[in-house]
Each structure stands twice: as C-alpha cells, then as structure tokens.
C-alpha atoms as a PDB file:
ATOM      1  CA  MET A   1      -2.477 -48.828 121.240  1.00  0.00           C
ATOM      2  CA  THR A   2       0.079 -46.367 120.135  1.00  0.00           C
ATOM      3  CA  ALA A   3       0.718 -42.914 121.866  1.00  0.00           C
ATOM      4  CA  ILE A   4       0.184 -40.161 120.009  1.00  0.00           C
ATOM      5  CA  SER A   5       3.244 -37.370 120.584  1.00  0.00           C
ATOM      6  CA  THR A   6       2.367 -33.609 121.888  1.00  0.00           C
ATOM      7  CA  MET A   7       6.107 -33.071 121.623  1.00  0.00           C
ATOM      8  CA  PRO A   8       6.221 -29.137 120.469  1.00  0.00           C
ATOM      9  CA  ALA A   9       7.962 -28.760 117.219  1.00  0.00           C
ATOM     10  CA  ASP A  10      11.488 -27.746 117.955  1.00  0.00           C
ATOM     11  CA  PRO A  11      12.138 -23.843 117.450  1.00  0.00           C
ATOM     12  CA  THR A  12      15.772 -24.349 116.293  1.00  0.00           C
ATOM     13  CA  ALA A  13      15.000 -26.660 113.502  1.00  0.00           C
ATOM     14  CA  GLU A  14      16.019 -25.893 109.751  1.00  0.00           C
ATOM     15  CA  PRO A  15      12.973 -25.061 107.937  1.00  0.00           C
ATOM     16  CA  ALA A  16      12.263 -27.959 104.489  1.00  0.00           C
ATOM     17  CA  PRO A  17      13.875 -26.544 101.539  1.00  0.00           C
ATOM     18  CA  SER A  18      11.146 -24.982  99.054  1.00  0.00           C
ATOM     19  CA  ARG A  19      10.747 -27.125  95.652  1.00  0.00           C
ATOM     20  CA  THR A  20       9.601 -23.794  94.333  1.00  0.00           C
ATOM     21  CA  PRO A  21      13.005 -22.063  93.281  1.00  0.00           C
ATOM     22  CA  ARG A  22      13.825 -25.266  91.576  1.00  0.00           C
ATOM     23  CA  ARG A  23      10.747 -25.706  89.803  1.00  0.00           C
ATOM     24  CA  ARG A  24      11.494 -21.955  88.364  1.00  0.00           C
ATOM     25  CA  ARG A  25      14.432 -22.844  87.320  1.00  0.00           C
ATOM     26  CA  VAL A  26      13.633 -25.868  85.330  1.00  0.00           C
ATOM     27  CA  LYS A  27      11.050 -23.640  83.661  1.00  0.00           C
ATOM     28  CA  ILE A  28      13.231 -20.960  82.904  1.00  0.00           C
ATOM     29  CA  VAL A  29      15.763 -23.313  81.174  1.00  0.00           C
ATOM     30  CA  LEU A  30      12.986 -25.327  79.230  1.00  0.00           C
ATOM     31  CA  GLY A  31      11.752 -21.598  78.076  1.00  0.00           C
ATOM     32  CA  ALA A  32      14.961 -20.833  77.005  1.00  0.00           C
ATOM     33  CA  THR A  33      15.620 -23.957  75.350  1.00  0.00           C
ATOM     34  CA  ALA A  34      12.395 -23.825  73.456  1.00  0.00           C
ATOM     35  CA  LEU A  35      13.417 -20.135  72.414  1.00  0.00           C
ATOM     36  CA  THR A  36      16.362 -21.401  71.141  1.00  0.00           C
ATOM     37  CA  LEU A  37      15.265 -24.196  69.082  1.00  0.00           C
ATOM     38  CA  VAL A  38      12.241 -21.590  67.764  1.00  0.00           C
ATOM     39  CA  ALA A  39      15.179 -19.021  66.894  1.00  0.00           C
ATOM     40  CA  THR A  40      17.066 -21.679  65.132  1.00  0.00           C
ATOM     41  CA  ALA A  41      14.546 -23.207  63.187  1.00  0.00           C
ATOM     42  CA  GLY A  42      13.479 -19.622  62.408  1.00  0.00           C
ATOM     43  CA  ALA A  43      16.760 -18.685  60.874  1.00  0.00           C
ATOM     44  CA  GLY A  44      17.243 -22.233  58.927  1.00  0.00           C
ATOM     45  CA  TYR A  45      13.882 -21.354  57.342  1.00  0.00           C
ATOM     46  CA  LEU A  46      14.792 -17.736  56.220  1.00  0.00           C
ATOM     47  CA  TRP A  47      18.355 -19.206  54.731  1.00  0.00           C
ATOM     48  CA  LEU A  48      16.184 -21.784  52.925  1.00  0.00           C
ATOM     49  CA  ASP A  49      13.686 -19.293  51.980  1.00  0.00           C
ATOM     50  CA  ALA A  50      16.572 -16.534  50.527  1.00  0.00           C
ATOM     51  CA  THR A  51      18.703 -19.285  48.636  1.00  0.00           C
ATOM     52  CA  ALA A  52      15.827 -20.522  46.897  1.00  0.00           C
ATOM     53  CA  ASP A  53      16.525 -19.263  43.434  1.00  0.00           C
ATOM     54  CA  VAL A  54      15.777 -20.682  40.207  1.00  0.00           C
ATOM     55  CA  GLN A  55      17.632 -19.996  37.585  1.00  0.00           C
ATOM     56  CA  ASN A  56      15.387 -20.490  34.531  1.00  0.00           C
ATOM     57  CA  LEU A  57      13.355 -17.366  34.752  1.00  0.00           C
ATOM     58  CA  GLY A  58      11.874 -17.803  31.507  1.00  0.00           C
ATOM     59  CA  VAL A  59      11.498 -14.424  29.180  1.00  0.00           C
ATOM     60  CA  SER A  60       8.363 -12.048  29.054  1.00  0.00           C
ATOM     61  CA  ASP A  61       7.266 -12.214  25.726  1.00  0.00           C
ATOM     62  CA  CYS A  62       6.019 -15.222  24.528  1.00  0.00           C
ATOM     63  CA  THR A  63       7.040 -14.763  20.784  1.00  0.00           C
ATOM     64  CA  ALA A  64      10.590 -14.488  21.815  1.00  0.00           C
ATOM     65  CA  LEU A  65      10.776 -18.177  22.384  1.00  0.00           C
ATOM     66  CA  THR A  66      11.765 -21.110  20.418  1.00  0.00           C
ATOM     67  CA  PRO A  67       9.081 -23.178  19.868  1.00  0.00           C
ATOM     68  CA  VAL A  68       9.754 -27.110  19.584  1.00  0.00           C
ATOM     69  CA  VAL A  69       7.563 -28.401  16.986  1.00  0.00           C
ATOM     70  CA  THR A  70       6.595 -31.889  16.082  1.00  0.00           C
ATOM     71  CA  ALA A  71       4.893 -32.586  13.172  1.00  0.00           C
ATOM     72  CA  SER A  72       1.555 -34.944  12.904  1.00  0.00           C
ATOM     73  CA  ALA A  73      -0.544 -36.350  10.117  1.00  0.00           C
ATOM     74  CA  ALA A  74      -2.348 -33.138  10.140  1.00  0.00           C
ATOM     75  CA  GLY A  75       0.902 -31.265   9.155  1.00  0.00           C
ATOM     76  CA  THR A  76       2.947 -29.065  11.177  1.00  0.00           C
ATOM     77  CA  ALA A  77       2.983 -25.870  13.190  1.00  0.00           C
ATOM     78  CA  THR A  78       4.085 -22.594  11.692  1.00  0.00           C
ATOM     79  CA  ALA A  79       5.654 -19.243  12.954  1.00  0.00           C
ATOM     80  CA  GLU A  80       2.282 -17.277  12.213  1.00  0.00           C
ATOM     81  CA  ASP A  81       0.428 -20.346  14.776  1.00  0.00           C
ATOM     82  CA  HIS A  82       3.329 -19.117  17.299  1.00  0.00           C
ATOM     83  CA  ARG A  83       2.568 -15.772  17.149  1.00  0.00           C
ATOM     84  CA  ALA A  84      -1.301 -16.469  16.835  1.00  0.00           C
ATOM     85  CA  VAL A  85      -0.777 -18.348  20.329  1.00  0.00           C
ATOM     86  CA  CYS A  86       0.900 -15.695  21.862  1.00  0.00           C
ATOM     87  CA  GLY A  87      -1.762 -13.420  20.749  1.00  0.00           C
ATOM     88  CA  THR A  88      -4.230 -15.680  22.838  1.00  0.00           C
ATOM     89  CA  LEU A  89      -2.378 -15.842  25.960  1.00  0.00           C
ATOM     90  CA  ARG A  90      -1.582 -11.957  25.715  1.00  0.00           C
ATOM     91  CA  SER A  91      -5.292 -11.035  25.488  1.00  0.00           C
ATOM     92  CA  LEU A  92      -6.379 -13.365  28.170  1.00  0.00           C
ATOM     93  CA  THR A  93      -3.738 -11.311  30.513  1.00  0.00           C
ATOM     94  CA  ASP A  94      -5.582  -8.216  28.932  1.00  0.00           C
ATOM     95  CA  SER A  95      -8.777  -9.491  29.906  1.00  0.00           C
ATOM     96  CA  TRP A  96      -7.771 -10.294  33.249  1.00  0.00           C
ATOM     97  CA  ALA A  97      -6.608  -6.682  33.949  1.00  0.00           C
ATOM     98  CA  LYS A  98      -9.787  -5.075  33.099  1.00  0.00           C
ATOM     99  CA  GLY A  99     -11.386  -7.380  35.294  1.00  0.00           C
ATOM    100  CA  ASP A 100     -13.755  -8.773  32.375  1.00  0.00           C
ATOM    101  CA  ALA A 101     -14.885 -12.230  32.834  1.00  0.00           C
ATOM    102  CA  THR A 102     -16.859 -12.725  30.053  1.00  0.00           C
ATOM    103  CA  ALA A 103     -13.843 -11.646  27.627  1.00  0.00           C
ATOM    104  CA  TYR A 104     -11.715 -13.930  29.777  1.00  0.00           C
ATOM    105  CA  GLY A 105     -14.003 -16.755  29.510  1.00  0.00           C
ATOM    106  CA  GLU A 106     -14.155 -16.355  25.928  1.00  0.00           C
ATOM    107  CA  HIS A 107     -10.246 -17.517  25.916  1.00  0.00           C
ATOM    108  CA  PHE A 108     -11.567 -21.027  26.507  1.00  0.00           C
ATOM    109  CA  THR A 109     -13.181 -23.886  24.909  1.00  0.00           C
ATOM    110  CA  PRO A 110     -16.715 -24.817  25.835  1.00  0.00           C
ATOM    111  CA  ASP A 111     -15.593 -28.114  27.551  1.00  0.00           C
ATOM    112  CA  ALA A 112     -12.616 -26.357  29.419  1.00  0.00           C
ATOM    113  CA  THR A 113     -10.702 -27.716  32.505  1.00  0.00           C
ATOM    114  CA  TYR A 114      -9.182 -25.057  34.951  1.00  0.00           C
ATOM    115  CA  THR A 115      -7.539 -25.907  37.872  1.00  0.00           C
ATOM    116  CA  THR A 116      -6.269 -23.321  40.492  1.00  0.00           C
ATOM    117  CA  TYR A 117      -3.114 -23.391  42.515  1.00  0.00           C
ATOM    118  CA  VAL A 118      -5.725 -24.092  45.898  1.00  0.00           C
ATOM    119  CA  GLY A 119      -7.128 -27.368  43.761  1.00  0.00           C
ATOM    120  CA  THR A 120     -10.117 -25.549  42.584  1.00  0.00           C
ATOM    121  CA  HIS A 121     -11.455 -27.242  39.380  1.00  0.00           C
ATOM    122  CA  TYR A 122     -13.655 -25.551  37.020  1.00  0.00           C
ATOM    123  CA  GLN A 123     -14.831 -27.430  34.314  1.00  0.00           C
ATOM    124  CA  GLY A 124     -16.074 -25.664  31.106  1.00  0.00           C
ATOM    125  CA  ARG A 125     -16.510 -21.763  30.069  1.00  0.00           C
ATOM    126  CA  ARG A 126     -19.191 -20.933  32.121  1.00  0.00           C
ATOM    127  CA  ASP A 127     -18.119 -22.714  34.812  1.00  0.00           C
ATOM    128  CA  ILE A 128     -14.541 -20.768  34.568  1.00  0.00           C
ATOM    129  CA  THR A 129     -16.335 -17.324  33.367  1.00  0.00           C
ATOM    130  CA  GLU A 130     -18.555 -16.969  36.366  1.00  0.00           C
ATOM    131  CA  GLY A 131     -16.143 -18.137  39.198  1.00  0.00           C
ATOM    132  CA  HIS A 132     -14.086 -15.220  37.564  1.00  0.00           C
ATOM    133  CA  ARG A 133     -16.541 -13.072  37.710  1.00  0.00           C
ATOM    134  CA  ALA A 134     -16.981 -13.585  41.494  1.00  0.00           C
ATOM    135  CA  LEU A 135     -13.127 -13.729  41.844  1.00  0.00           C
ATOM    136  CA  PHE A 136     -12.706 -10.146  40.054  1.00  0.00           C
ATOM    137  CA  GLY A 137     -15.152  -8.721  42.288  1.00  0.00           C
ATOM    138  CA  GLY A 138     -13.589  -9.997  45.503  1.00  0.00           C
ATOM    139  CA  PHE A 139     -10.249 -11.395  46.193  1.00  0.00           C
ATOM    140  CA  LEU A 140      -8.743 -10.248  43.161  1.00  0.00           C
ATOM    141  CA  LYS A 141     -10.188  -7.066  42.315  1.00  0.00           C
ATOM    142  CA  ASP A 142      -7.902  -4.770  40.666  1.00  0.00           C
ATOM    143  CA  THR A 143      -4.901  -7.383  40.234  1.00  0.00           C
ATOM    144  CA  LYS A 144      -2.837  -7.838  36.805  1.00  0.00           C
ATOM    145  CA  LEU A 145      -1.306 -11.057  35.538  1.00  0.00           C
ATOM    146  CA  ALA A 146       2.496 -11.242  35.333  1.00  0.00           C
ATOM    147  CA  ASP A 147       3.867 -13.667  33.083  1.00  0.00           C
ATOM    148  CA  SER A 148       7.716 -15.586  32.147  1.00  0.00           C
ATOM    149  CA  PHE A 149       6.941 -17.428  29.335  1.00  0.00           C
ATOM    150  CA  LEU A 150       9.318 -21.262  30.060  1.00  0.00           C
ATOM    151  CA  ASP A 151       8.337 -23.395  26.974  1.00  0.00           C
ATOM    152  CA  ILE A 152       6.025 -23.646  23.748  1.00  0.00           C
ATOM    153  CA  ARG A 153       5.759 -26.892  22.119  1.00  0.00           C
ATOM    154  CA  PHE A 154       3.465 -27.740  19.163  1.00  0.00           C
ATOM    155  CA  TYR A 155       2.262 -31.072  18.284  1.00  0.00           C
ATOM    156  CA  GLY A 156       0.964 -31.026  14.577  1.00  0.00           C
ATOM    157  CA  PRO A 157      -0.682 -27.634  13.490  1.00  0.00           C
ATOM    158  CA  ASP A 158      -3.743 -27.606  15.582  1.00  0.00           C
ATOM    159  CA  THR A 159      -2.195 -28.063  19.503  1.00  0.00           C
ATOM    160  CA  ALA A 160       0.359 -26.178  21.640  1.00  0.00           C
ATOM    161  CA  VAL A 161       1.784 -26.422  25.160  1.00  0.00           C
ATOM    162  CA  VAL A 162       2.795 -23.517  27.124  1.00  0.00           C
ATOM    163  CA  THR A 163       4.305 -23.484  30.084  1.00  0.00           C
ATOM    164  CA  SER A 164       5.377 -20.676  32.277  1.00  0.00           C
ATOM    165  CA  ARG A 165       5.860 -19.196  35.362  1.00  0.00           C
ATOM    166  CA  GLY A 166       3.283 -16.509  36.667  1.00  0.00           C
ATOM    167  CA  ASP A 167       1.348 -14.356  39.511  1.00  0.00           C
ATOM    168  CA  THR A 168      -0.858 -11.810  40.012  1.00  0.00           C
ATOM    169  CA  TYR A 169       0.102  -8.084  41.237  1.00  0.00           C
ATOM    170  CA  THR A 170      -1.046  -4.674  41.762  1.00  0.00           C
ATOM    171  CA  GLY A 171       1.345  -1.651  41.732  1.00  0.00           C
ATOM    172  CA  ALA A 172       4.557  -2.304  40.023  1.00  0.00           C
ATOM    173  CA  ARG A 173       4.743  -5.741  37.898  1.00  0.00           C
ATOM    174  CA  LYS A 174       6.785  -8.530  39.492  1.00  0.00           C
ATOM    175  CA  LYS A 175       9.917  -9.558  38.453  1.00  0.00           C
ATOM    176  CA  PRO A 176      10.341 -13.003  37.256  1.00  0.00           C
ATOM    177  CA  ALA A 177      12.529 -14.196  40.102  1.00  0.00           C
ATOM    178  CA  ASP A 178       9.550 -13.278  42.624  1.00  0.00           C
ATOM    179  CA  LEU A 179       6.509 -15.282  40.380  1.00  0.00           C
ATOM    180  CA  THR A 180       5.077 -17.735  42.858  1.00  0.00           C
ATOM    181  CA  LYS A 181       3.182 -19.911  40.454  1.00  0.00           C
ATOM    182  CA  THR A 182       4.047 -22.568  37.472  1.00  0.00           C
ATOM    183  CA  GLN A 183       1.663 -22.811  34.918  1.00  0.00           C
ATOM    184  CA  THR A 184       0.399 -24.685  32.349  1.00  0.00           C
ATOM    185  CA  TYR A 185      -1.897 -23.972  29.380  1.00  0.00           C
ATOM    186  CA  THR A 186      -2.913 -26.561  26.320  1.00  0.00           C
ATOM    187  CA  LEU A 187      -4.370 -24.737  23.394  1.00  0.00           C
ATOM    188  CA  ILE A 188      -6.193 -25.619  20.451  1.00  0.00           C
ATOM    189  CA  ARG A 189      -7.291 -24.497  17.130  1.00  0.00           C
ATOM    190  CA  GLN A 190     -10.668 -24.520  16.904  1.00  0.00           C
ATOM    191  CA  ALA A 191     -13.004 -25.063  13.807  1.00  0.00           C
ATOM    192  CA  ASP A 192     -13.469 -20.955  13.259  1.00  0.00           C
ATOM    193  CA  ARG A 193      -9.154 -21.124  13.121  1.00  0.00           C
ATOM    194  CA  GLN A 194      -8.964 -19.376  16.654  1.00  0.00           C
ATOM    195  CA  TRP A 195      -6.651 -20.729  19.195  1.00  0.00           C
ATOM    196  CA  ARG A 196      -8.002 -20.910  22.537  1.00  0.00           C
ATOM    197  CA  ILE A 197      -7.093 -22.674  25.445  1.00  0.00           C
ATOM    198  CA  ALA A 198      -8.338 -26.274  26.669  1.00  0.00           C
ATOM    199  CA  ALA A 199      -7.193 -27.066  30.034  1.00  0.00           C
ATOM    200  CA  PHE A 200      -4.994 -24.910  32.338  1.00  0.00           C
ATOM    201  CA  HIS A 201      -3.189 -26.078  35.257  1.00  0.00           C
ATOM    202  CA  ASN A 202      -1.729 -23.647  37.987  1.00  0.00           C
ATOM    203  CA  THR A 203       0.978 -24.671  40.680  1.00  0.00           C
ATOM    204  CA  GLN A 204       1.873 -22.588  43.688  1.00  0.00           C
ATOM    205  CA  ARG A 205       5.844 -23.191  43.840  1.00  0.00           C
ATOM    206  CA  GLN A 206       6.707 -24.334  47.428  1.00  0.00           C
ATOM    207  CA  ARG A 207      10.192 -22.293  47.698  1.00  0.00           C
ATOM    208  CA  VAL A 208      11.245 -23.761  50.827  1.00  0.00           C
ATOM    209  CA  MET A 209      10.265 -27.467  50.350  1.00  0.00           C
ATOM    210  CA  GLU A 210      11.497 -27.350  47.078  1.00  0.00           C
ATOM    211  CA  ARG A 211      14.848 -26.260  48.053  1.00  0.00           C
ATOM    212  CA  ILE A 212      15.100 -28.955  50.946  1.00  0.00           C
ATOM    213  CA  SER A 213      14.206 -31.285  48.242  1.00  0.00           C
ATOM    214  CA  PHE A 214      17.145 -30.208  46.330  1.00  0.00           C
ATOM    215  CA  LEU A 215      19.553 -30.294  49.680  1.00  0.00           C
ATOM    216  CA  TYR A 216      18.485 -33.897  50.282  1.00  0.00           C
ATOM    217  CA  SER A 217      18.260 -35.477  47.098  1.00  0.00           C
ATOM    218  CA  PRO A 218      20.480 -32.976  44.137  1.00  0.00           C
ATOM    219  CA  GLU A 219      19.323 -35.185  41.403  1.00  0.00           C
ATOM    220  CA  THR A 220      15.752 -34.146  41.797  1.00  0.00           C
ATOM    221  CA  LYS A 221      17.225 -31.064  40.449  1.00  0.00           C
ATOM    222  CA  PRO A 222      15.770 -30.514  36.555  1.00  0.00           C
ATOM    223  CA  GLU A 223      18.415 -30.034  34.628  1.00  0.00           C
ATOM    224  CA  ALA A 224      17.846 -25.875  33.936  1.00  0.00           C
ATOM    225  CA  GLU A 225      18.184 -25.503  37.322  1.00  0.00           C
ATOM    226  CA  LYS A 226      21.565 -26.994  37.869  1.00  0.00           C
END
C-alpha cells in the first residue's frame, strides 16, 4: 500500500502563475484585431459607395431624348408618337403624386405585368391598381416619383420601350445621380389610339456590388459608363 504524504506545504514556495492575465491579453488582442478588421471593412465599403458614380444620368425631359426608330410591316413611329409616349409617362407620374391609384392603374393595359424592385409581381390592371392603393395609403403615402430618362426605342408605330432611372421622394426632388433604381417600360398603342404600359420592370441599383464588379472585371462596364 502506498503511503499518503502528510507533509505540510512549504510556506516559502512560489505560487503557480495564474492563467487569467494571459487569457485577458489574448482576448484584448483578438478584440483589437476584430475591431481593426471591421473598421477596415467599413472604410472600404464607404470608399466603394462614394466612388460608385454613374456617368449616364439621362435627361429629366422624356421629349428631349432622340428616339431610336425601327420600322415594321405596320409602319414607322412619328414625332407625335414620341410626344404621346412621354405624355403617358408624365401623366403616370402625376397620378402617383396625387396618390390616385385608380388613375395610376388606367395607364396600364388590362393584362399588364408589373415587377417591383423587391420582386413583387403584379398581373393585370386590377392587381396593379389595388396594390398601389394600399401602397399610397401606407409605405408610399405622400411620395412623388423622380425620373431621368436614358433611352426610348420604337419598334413599328405601336410599340415603344423606355428605360429610365427613377426613385420615390418627399420634399426636394432627387438629383439624377441619387436615383437608386433602373426601370423599363414597354408601351403599346391600343385600339383607342392611347399609349398604355403593357409591362414594367423595376430594378434596385446595388451601388457597391456594381463598383466591385467593375473593379474586378472592367469588361462588365457598359459602354456609356466608360
């Protein structure tokens, strides 16, 4: 049987070193490193955001664009058609500013499609109208639309495609460089000779992701942005 020592501890012996100060130093170093990385990433994000400017800002007056006109078997669009298409879009904007969902919906064909920047897809005039009735009474109450037109193309005398930058705002109108969305309208002339929107698609511009894409792959930059 092994004897158990009953010798008293040496009162002059040095105490074992504590691990607490070392652990504390490690935590401080790790915390400082994490904060440095966060600060660096934050500064990098701010730089990317600040330098993500667009060159192609468009024009605020749709009628100031020079349309691209392509003839079809049905004929060719005219200058009057250009003014009429711009008039439809101007009236659409006015209806939004008034918060009038019924008038807003009348600018669309009965079977129109409408895709928002968050991916919500409306099918048909009634769907578009009632969806915006709720929006005008809630999230988008008392807002207005700002547009800056990039391009208008006619395919025959009865079809037009309009591309613009746009955004909602309250108070002072947003400048073209501050508009956060890119929009495509497809309009057709119907039997009553009125131009209405058959399809609308709205895309949120991801400034930082776009900037990163252009930095790492410059060939992805559109010609108008070079």
